[in-house]
C-alpha atoms as a PDB file:
ATOM      1  CA  MET A   1      -7.950  26.824  45.062  1.00  0.00           C
ATOM      2  CA  ILE A   2     -10.592  26.742  43.053  1.00  0.00           C
ATOM      3  CA  ASN A   3     -10.181  28.300  39.704  1.00  0.00           C
ATOM      4  CA  THR A   4     -13.243  30.512  38.370  1.00  0.00           C
ATOM      5  CA  LEU A   5     -12.194  32.217  35.475  1.00  0.00           C
ATOM      6  CA  LEU A   6     -10.015  29.635  33.619  1.00  0.00           C
ATOM      7  CA  ARG A   7     -10.751  26.088  33.319  1.00  0.00           C
ATOM      8  CA  VAL A   8      -7.488  24.116  32.725  1.00  0.00           C
ATOM      9  CA  TYR A   9      -7.183  21.334  30.465  1.00  0.00           C
ATOM     10  CA  PRO A  10      -5.882  18.586  31.475  1.00  0.00           C
ATOM     11  CA  SER A  11      -4.538  18.903  34.988  1.00  0.00           C
ATOM     12  CA  GLU A  12      -0.956  17.479  33.968  1.00  0.00           C
ATOM     13  CA  LEU A  13       0.784  17.715  30.423  1.00  0.00           C
ATOM     14  CA  LYS A  14       2.106  14.263  29.346  1.00  0.00           C
ATOM     15  CA  ILE A  15       4.451  14.697  26.481  1.00  0.00           C
ATOM     16  CA  PRO A  16       6.069  12.152  24.557  1.00  0.00           C
ATOM     17  CA  TYR A  17       9.732  11.312  26.008  1.00  0.00           C
ATOM     18  CA  ASP A  18      11.691  10.380  22.271  1.00  0.00           C
ATOM     19  CA  LEU A  19      15.571  10.974  22.318  1.00  0.00           C
ATOM     20  CA  LYS A  20      16.921  13.259  19.277  1.00  0.00           C
ATOM     21  CA  ARG A  21      13.345  14.216  18.584  1.00  0.00           C
ATOM     22  CA  LYS A  22      11.698  17.418  19.745  1.00  0.00           C
ATOM     23  CA  ARG A  23       7.877  16.205  21.130  1.00  0.00           C
ATOM     24  CA  SER A  24       4.682  18.370  21.791  1.00  0.00           C
ATOM     25  CA  CYS A  25       1.419  18.160  23.788  1.00  0.00           C
ATOM     26  CA  CYS A  26      -1.545  20.827  24.069  1.00  0.00           C
ATOM     27  CA  MET A  27      -3.489  22.655  27.013  1.00  0.00           C
ATOM     28  CA  GLN A  28      -6.977  23.991  26.413  1.00  0.00           C
ATOM     29  CA  LEU A  29      -7.826  27.134  28.779  1.00  0.00           C
ATOM     30  CA  THR A  30     -11.541  27.962  28.620  1.00  0.00           C
ATOM     31  CA  ASN A  31     -12.932  31.357  30.054  1.00  0.00           C
ATOM     32  CA  ARG A  32     -15.781  30.461  32.394  1.00  0.00           C
ATOM     33  CA  THR A  33     -17.424  33.933  32.609  1.00  0.00           C
ATOM     34  CA  ASN A  34     -18.906  36.366  31.214  1.00  0.00           C
ATOM     35  CA  GLN A  35     -16.121  38.562  30.847  1.00  0.00           C
ATOM     36  CA  TYR A  36     -12.670  38.945  29.313  1.00  0.00           C
ATOM     37  CA  VAL A  37      -9.630  36.784  30.946  1.00  0.00           C
ATOM     38  CA  ALA A  38      -6.135  37.802  30.309  1.00  0.00           C
ATOM     39  CA  PHE A  39      -3.912  34.949  30.739  1.00  0.00           C
ATOM     40  CA  LYS A  40      -0.027  34.133  30.715  1.00  0.00           C
ATOM     41  CA  VAL A  41       1.600  31.059  30.509  1.00  0.00           C
ATOM     42  CA  LYS A  42       5.004  30.223  32.280  1.00  0.00           C
ATOM     43  CA  THR A  43       7.411  27.524  33.072  1.00  0.00           C
ATOM     44  CA  THR A  44      10.155  26.459  35.223  1.00  0.00           C
ATOM     45  CA  ASN A  45      12.325  25.492  32.558  1.00  0.00           C
ATOM     46  CA  PRO A  46      11.968  28.149  30.174  1.00  0.00           C
ATOM     47  CA  THR A  47      15.206  26.960  27.976  1.00  0.00           C
ATOM     48  CA  LYS A  48      14.104  23.365  27.463  1.00  0.00           C
ATOM     49  CA  TYR A  49      10.319  24.258  26.498  1.00  0.00           C
ATOM     50  CA  SER A  50       8.666  26.895  23.875  1.00  0.00           C
ATOM     51  CA  VAL A  51       5.367  27.600  24.051  1.00  0.00           C
ATOM     52  CA  ARG A  52       2.959  28.982  21.650  1.00  0.00           C
ATOM     53  CA  HIS A  53       0.674  31.205  22.838  1.00  0.00           C
ATOM     54  CA  THR A  54       2.179  32.297  26.491  1.00  0.00           C
ATOM     55  CA  CYS A  55       0.085  35.147  26.592  1.00  0.00           C
ATOM     56  CA  GLY A  56      -3.737  36.295  25.180  1.00  0.00           C
ATOM     57  CA  ILE A  57      -6.998  37.760  26.213  1.00  0.00           C
ATOM     58  CA  LEU A  58      -9.908  35.066  25.863  1.00  0.00           C
ATOM     59  CA  LEU A  59     -13.669  36.074  24.632  1.00  0.00           C
ATOM     60  CA  PRO A  60     -16.392  35.168  27.392  1.00  0.00           C
ATOM     61  CA  ARG A  61     -17.146  31.681  27.142  1.00  0.00           C
ATOM     62  CA  SER A  62     -14.300  31.090  24.425  1.00  0.00           C
ATOM     63  CA  SER A  63     -11.772  28.858  24.535  1.00  0.00           C
ATOM     64  CA  CYS A  64      -7.871  28.673  22.872  1.00  0.00           C
ATOM     65  CA  ASN A  65      -4.810  25.819  22.645  1.00  0.00           C
ATOM     66  CA  VAL A  66      -1.608  26.601  24.091  1.00  0.00           C
ATOM     67  CA  THR A  67       1.079  24.229  22.528  1.00  0.00           C
ATOM     68  CA  VAL A  68       3.934  23.159  24.586  1.00  0.00           C
ATOM     69  CA  THR A  69       7.034  21.103  22.716  1.00  0.00           C
ATOM     70  CA  MET A  70      10.057  20.133  24.099  1.00  0.00           C
ATOM     71  CA  GLN A  71      13.083  20.329  22.798  1.00  0.00           C
ATOM     72  CA  ALA A  72      14.996  17.167  21.686  1.00  0.00           C
ATOM     73  CA  PRO A  73      16.690  15.254  25.165  1.00  0.00           C
ATOM     74  CA  SER A  74      20.138  14.416  24.315  1.00  0.00           C
ATOM     75  CA  GLU A  75      19.955  11.218  26.662  1.00  0.00           C
ATOM     76  CA  ALA A  76      17.447   9.494  28.688  1.00  0.00           C
ATOM     77  CA  PRO A  77      16.646  10.525  32.082  1.00  0.00           C
ATOM     78  CA  LEU A  78      17.325   7.197  34.530  1.00  0.00           C
ATOM     79  CA  ASP A  79      14.257   7.175  36.217  1.00  0.00           C
ATOM     80  CA  HIS A  80      11.659   9.098  33.249  1.00  0.00           C
ATOM     81  CA  HIS A  81      11.067  11.414  36.606  1.00  0.00           C
ATOM     82  CA  CYS A  82      10.516  15.058  35.433  1.00  0.00           C
ATOM     83  CA  LYS A  83      10.236  17.547  37.965  1.00  0.00           C
ATOM     84  CA  ASP A  84       9.346  20.238  35.236  1.00  0.00           C
ATOM     85  CA  LYS A  85       5.578  22.541  36.307  1.00  0.00           C
ATOM     86  CA  PHE A  86       4.092  25.017  34.466  1.00  0.00           C
ATOM     87  CA  LEU A  87       1.894  28.048  35.730  1.00  0.00           C
ATOM     88  CA  VAL A  88      -1.019  29.635  34.285  1.00  0.00           C
ATOM     89  CA  GLN A  89      -2.391  32.887  35.653  1.00  0.00           C
ATOM     90  CA  SER A  90      -5.774  34.435  34.564  1.00  0.00           C
ATOM     91  CA  VAL A  91      -6.873  37.252  35.533  1.00  0.00           C
ATOM     92  CA  VAL A  92      -9.972  39.940  34.447  1.00  0.00           C
ATOM     93  CA  VAL A  93      -9.883  42.721  32.127  1.00  0.00           C
ATOM     94  CA  ARG A  94     -12.310  45.064  32.289  1.00  0.00           C
ATOM     95  CA  HIS A  95     -11.505  47.872  29.237  1.00  0.00           C
ATOM     96  CA  GLY A  96     -11.202  45.040  26.005  1.00  0.00           C
ATOM     97  CA  PRO A  97     -10.296  42.189  24.169  1.00  0.00           C
ATOM     98  CA  THR A  98      -7.163  43.312  22.236  1.00  0.00           C
ATOM     99  CA  MET A  99      -4.121  42.625  22.943  1.00  0.00           C
ATOM    100  CA  LYS A 100      -3.241  46.282  23.852  1.00  0.00           C
ATOM    101  CA  TYR A 101      -5.100  46.220  26.855  1.00  0.00           C
ATOM    102  CA  PHE A 102      -2.860  43.612  27.529  1.00  0.00           C
ATOM    103  CA  ALA A 103       0.471  44.537  30.211  1.00  0.00           C
ATOM    104  CA  PRO A 104       2.639  42.217  32.290  1.00  0.00           C
ATOM    105  CA  GLU A 105       1.232  44.890  35.230  1.00  0.00           C
ATOM    106  CA  LEU A 106      -2.082  43.153  35.049  1.00  0.00           C
ATOM    107  CA  PHE A 107      -0.363  39.846  37.044  1.00  0.00           C
ATOM    108  CA  THR A 108       1.206  42.522  39.474  1.00  0.00           C
ATOM    109  CA  LYS A 109      -0.600  41.470  42.996  1.00  0.00           C
ATOM    110  CA  VAL A 110      -2.228  44.341  44.543  1.00  0.00           C
ATOM    111  CA  PRO A 111      -5.219  45.257  46.919  1.00  0.00           C
ATOM    112  CA  GLY A 112      -8.525  44.213  44.580  1.00  0.00           C
ATOM    113  CA  ARG A 113      -7.178  42.096  41.700  1.00  0.00           C
ATOM    114  CA  VAL A 114      -7.508  38.450  41.762  1.00  0.00           C
ATOM    115  CA  ILE A 115      -5.513  36.717  39.869  1.00  0.00           C
ATOM    116  CA  GLU A 116      -5.830  33.142  39.775  1.00  0.00           C
ATOM    117  CA  GLU A 117      -3.108  30.512  39.372  1.00  0.00           C
ATOM    118  CA  PHE A 118      -3.280  27.072  38.169  1.00  0.00           C
ATOM    119  CA  LYS A 119       0.208  24.609  38.200  1.00  0.00           C
ATOM    120  CA  LEU A 120       0.858  21.429  35.813  1.00  0.00           C
ATOM    121  CA  ARG A 121       3.078  18.992  36.290  1.00  0.00           C
ATOM    122  CA  VAL A 122       5.185  17.347  33.765  1.00  0.00           C
ATOM    123  CA  VAL A 123       4.983  13.906  32.780  1.00  0.00           C
ATOM    124  CA  TYR A 124       6.762  11.849  30.445  1.00  0.00           C
ATOM    125  CA  VAL A 125       5.222   9.215  28.270  1.00  0.00           C
ATOM    126  CA  ALA A 126       6.478   6.915  26.030  1.00  0.00           C
ATOM    127  CA  ALA A 127       6.812   7.907  22.462  1.00  0.00           C
ATOM    128  CA  ASN A 128       5.764   4.699  21.296  1.00  0.00           C
ATOM    129  CA  PRO A 129       4.460   2.106  23.679  1.00  0.00           C
ATOM    130  CA  PRO A 130       4.111  -1.416  22.594  1.00  0.00           C
ATOM    131  CA  SER A 131       0.970  -3.363  23.230  1.00  0.00           C
ATOM    132  CA  PRO A 132       0.484  -5.998  25.226  1.00  0.00           C
ATOM    133  CA  VAL A 133       0.401  -9.666  23.497  1.00  0.00           C
ATOM    134  CA  PRO A 134      -1.968 -12.092  25.609  1.00  0.00           C
ATOM    135  CA  GLU A 135       0.216 -15.466  25.781  1.00  0.00           C
ATOM    136  CA  GLU A 136      -1.791 -17.045  23.172  1.00  0.00           C
ATOM    137  CA  GLU A 137      -1.160 -14.573  20.067  1.00  0.00           C
ATOM    138  CA  GLU A 138       2.319 -14.791  21.432  1.00  0.00           C
ATOM    139  CA  GLU A 139       2.527 -18.918  20.612  1.00  0.00           C
ATOM    140  CA  GLU A 140       0.430 -18.122  17.995  1.00  0.00           C
ATOM    141  CA  GLU A 141       3.116 -15.757  16.316  1.00  0.00           C
ATOM    142  CA  GLU A 142       5.785 -18.376  17.204  1.00  0.00           C
ATOM    143  CA  GLU A 143       4.180 -20.902  15.334  1.00  0.00           C
ATOM    144  CA  GLU A 144       3.314 -18.683  12.548  1.00  0.00           C
ATOM    145  CA  GLU A 145       7.376 -17.651  12.255  1.00  0.00           C
ATOM    146  CA  GLU A 146       8.167 -21.850  12.352  1.00  0.00           C
ATOM    147  CA  ASP A 147       5.682 -22.047   9.830  1.00  0.00           C
ATOM    148  CA  SER A 148       7.604 -19.634   7.711  1.00  0.00           C
ATOM    149  CA  SER A 149      10.557 -20.945   8.332  1.00  0.00           C
ATOM    150  CA  PRO A 150      13.185 -21.672   5.291  1.00  0.00           C
ATOM    151  CA  ARG A 151      12.322 -24.916   5.020  1.00  0.00           C
ATOM    152  CA  PRO A 152       8.901 -24.477   2.664  1.00  0.00           C
ATOM    153  CA  GLU A 153      10.845 -22.348   0.505  1.00  0.00           C
ATOM    154  CA  VAL A 154      13.089 -25.361   0.202  1.00  0.00           C
ATOM    155  CA  GLY A 155      10.679 -27.286  -0.523  1.00  0.00           C
ATOM    156  CA  TYR A 156       9.167 -25.162  -3.058  1.00  0.00           C
ATOM    157  CA  GLN A 157      12.947 -25.121  -4.651  1.00  0.00           C
ATOM    158  CA  VAL A 158      11.922 -28.967  -5.020  1.00  0.00           C
ATOM    159  CA  LYS A 159       8.693 -28.411  -6.256  1.00  0.00           C
ATOM    160  CA  ILE A 160       9.068 -26.342  -9.025  1.00  0.00           C
ATOM    161  CA  PRO A 161      11.928 -27.550 -11.180  1.00  0.00           C
ATOM    162  CA  ALA A 162       9.435 -30.606 -11.572  1.00  0.00           C
ATOM    163  CA  VAL A 163       6.653 -28.943 -12.573  1.00  0.00           C
ATOM    164  CA  LEU A 164       8.514 -26.866 -15.361  1.00  0.00           C
ATOM    165  CA  ASP A 165      10.136 -30.234 -16.571  1.00  0.00           C
ATOM    166  CA  ALA A 166       6.517 -31.967 -16.622  1.00  0.00           C
ATOM    167  CA  VAL A 167       5.232 -28.787 -18.505  1.00  0.00           C
ATOM    168  CA  THR A 168       7.820 -28.920 -21.340  1.00  0.00           C
ATOM    169  CA  GLY A 169       7.664 -32.795 -21.272  1.00  0.00           C
ATOM    170  CA  ALA A 170       3.654 -32.238 -22.165  1.00  0.00           C
ATOM    171  CA  LEU A 171       4.652 -29.321 -24.538  1.00  0.00           C
ATOM    172  CA  VAL A 172       7.438 -31.839 -26.160  1.00  0.00           C
ATOM    173  CA  GLU A 173       4.898 -34.240 -26.511  1.00  0.00           C
ATOM    174  CA  SER A 174       2.190 -32.432 -27.822  1.00  0.00           C
ATOM    175  CA  LYS A 175       5.037 -30.711 -30.115  1.00  0.00           C
ATOM    176  CA  LEU A 176       6.123 -34.372 -31.832  1.00  0.00           C
ATOM    177  CA  VAL A 177       2.407 -36.000 -31.965  1.00  0.00           C
ATOM    178  CA  ALA A 178       1.650 -32.782 -34.031  1.00  0.00           C
ATOM    179  CA  GLU A 179       4.638 -33.011 -36.642  1.00  0.00           C
ATOM    180  CA  ARG A 180       3.428 -36.910 -36.734  1.00  0.00           C
ATOM    181  CA  GLU A 181      -0.061 -35.956 -37.922  1.00  0.00           C
ATOM    182  CA  CYS A 182       1.143 -33.406 -40.198  1.00  0.00           C
ATOM    183  CA  ARG A 183       3.360 -36.007 -41.954  1.00  0.00           C
ATOM    184  CA  VAL A 184       0.604 -38.499 -41.983  1.00  0.00           C
ATOM    185  CA  ASP A 185      -1.513 -35.815 -43.888  1.00  0.00           C
ATOM    186  CA  GLU A 186       0.989 -34.899 -46.283  1.00  0.00           C
ATOM    187  CA  ASN A 187       1.915 -38.646 -46.998  1.00  0.00           C
ATOM    188  CA  GLN A 188      -1.803 -39.362 -47.828  1.00  0.00           C
ATOM    189  CA  LYS A 189      -1.666 -36.619 -49.680  1.00  0.00           C
ATOM    190  CA  LEU A 190       1.243 -37.820 -52.663  1.00  0.00           C
ATOM    191  CA  HIS A 191      -0.481 -40.972 -51.828  1.00  0.00           C
ATOM    192  CA  ARG A 192      -3.833 -39.869 -53.588  1.00  0.00           C
ATOM    193  CA  LYS A 193      -1.853 -37.575 -56.141  1.00  0.00           C
ATOM    194  CA  MET A 194      -0.019 -40.502 -57.112  1.00  0.00           C
ATOM    195  CA  GLU A 195      -2.717 -42.557 -57.690  1.00  0.00           C
ATOM    196  CA  LEU A 196      -4.595 -39.336 -59.672  1.00  0.00           C
ATOM    197  CA  GLN A 197      -1.580 -39.568 -62.011  1.00  0.00           C
ATOM    198  CA  SER A 198      -1.598 -43.149 -62.865  1.00  0.00           C
ATOM    199  CA  ALA A 199      -5.384 -43.381 -63.386  1.00  0.00           C
ATOM    200  CA  THR A 200      -4.829 -40.228 -65.952  1.00  0.00           C
ATOM    201  CA  LYS A 201      -1.596 -41.978 -67.387  1.00  0.00           C
ATOM    202  CA  SER A 202      -3.871 -45.372 -67.825  1.00  0.00           C
ATOM    203  CA  SER A 203      -6.415 -43.604 -69.530  1.00  0.00           C
ATOM    204  CA  GLN A 204      -4.681 -41.938 -71.959  1.00  0.00           C
ATOM    205  CA  GLN A 205      -3.054 -45.037 -72.785  1.00  0.00           C
ATOM    206  CA  GLY A 206      -6.368 -46.982 -73.562  1.00  0.00           C
ATOM    207  CA  PHE A 207      -7.413 -44.184 -75.821  1.00  0.00           C
ATOM    208  CA  SER A 208      -4.614 -44.139 -78.240  1.00  0.00           C
ATOM    209  CA  VAL A 209      -4.909 -48.458 -78.276  1.00  0.00           C
ATOM    210  CA  MET A 210      -8.565 -47.346 -79.196  1.00  0.00           C
ATOM    211  CA  PHE A 211      -7.219 -44.890 -82.107  1.00  0.00           C
ATOM    212  CA  VAL A 212      -4.997 -46.576 -83.412  1.00  0.00           C
ATOM    213  CA  LEU A 213      -7.193 -50.118 -83.532  1.00  0.00           C
ATOM    214  CA  LEU A 214     -10.402 -47.385 -85.239  1.00  0.00           C
ATOM    215  CA  VAL A 215      -7.236 -45.960 -87.378  1.00  0.00           C
ATOM    216  CA  PHE A 216      -6.601 -49.977 -88.314  1.00  0.00           C
ATOM    217  CA  MET A 217     -10.312 -50.905 -89.705  1.00  0.00           C
ATOM    218  CA  SER A 218     -11.242 -47.871 -91.179  1.00  0.00           C
ATOM    219  CA  SER A 219      -8.248 -48.196 -93.683  1.00  0.00           C
ATOM    220  CA  VAL A 220      -9.204 -51.872 -93.952  1.00  0.00           C
ATOM    221  CA  TYR A 221     -12.647 -51.179 -94.823  1.00  0.00           C
ATOM    222  CA  ILE A 222     -12.132 -48.563 -96.987  1.00  0.00           C
ATOM    223  CA  GLY A 223      -9.358 -51.263 -98.787  1.00  0.00           C
ATOM    224  CA  HIS A 224     -11.934 -53.223 -99.008  1.00  0.00           C
ATOM    225  CA  LEU A 225     -14.729 -51.028-100.132  1.00  0.00           C
ATOM    226  CA  MET A 226     -12.364 -49.473-103.313  1.00  0.00           C
ATOM    227  CA  LYS A 227     -11.802 -53.049-104.282  1.00  0.00           C
ATOM    228  CA  HIS A 228     -15.637 -53.664-105.316  1.00  0.00           C
ATOM    229  CA  ILE A 229     -15.797 -50.800-106.885  1.00  0.00           C
ATOM    230  CA  MET A 230     -13.018 -51.264-109.409  1.00  0.00           C
ATOM    231  CA  VAL A 231     -14.429 -54.924-110.086  1.00  0.00           C
END
């Protein structure tokens, strides 16, 4: 039977199967006509699924989404095969678009009333399907794993102390050189200071001798002069 009132997409409900977790999927209902169309969603296993929205009225050429949520399963099925099904019923509403015109009697089959039905089966899919990896990539990954084995870590443990020892030795050597240069500068300053003090002392001693000689010569000259005056 070809549906002329509603377009239901997709044609089957693919629900991710995940133990102890709720999973959902969505179906889209589209009104193909220029009339108001009421819909109703049913399932063969109502205790296992919750549906939002189970019924409604679509405006002409409009769409709506229906969310189907599967309760958290406690155990995995043996063959991941599901026998559950959903049924979408649709019928034309001639009075108006509001829900007050929605009644269960709309979906009762009577002469002159066309009720269309669309069946969807439930299909389980893996919640997190593994991505296919080419063999070449797998070999590269194995090589990377081998390269990332603990052996390089041992090498790093050997090299790091050697680098630290070299840096420490360089620092110690530069410190010793700086101290040696500082001592040389201090010795040179001390030597210059001693030379300056020695020169100052020598000049003072020379001045004292000259002063004594000058006084002596002055005394002799004055005595000689006084002698001539008295004569």
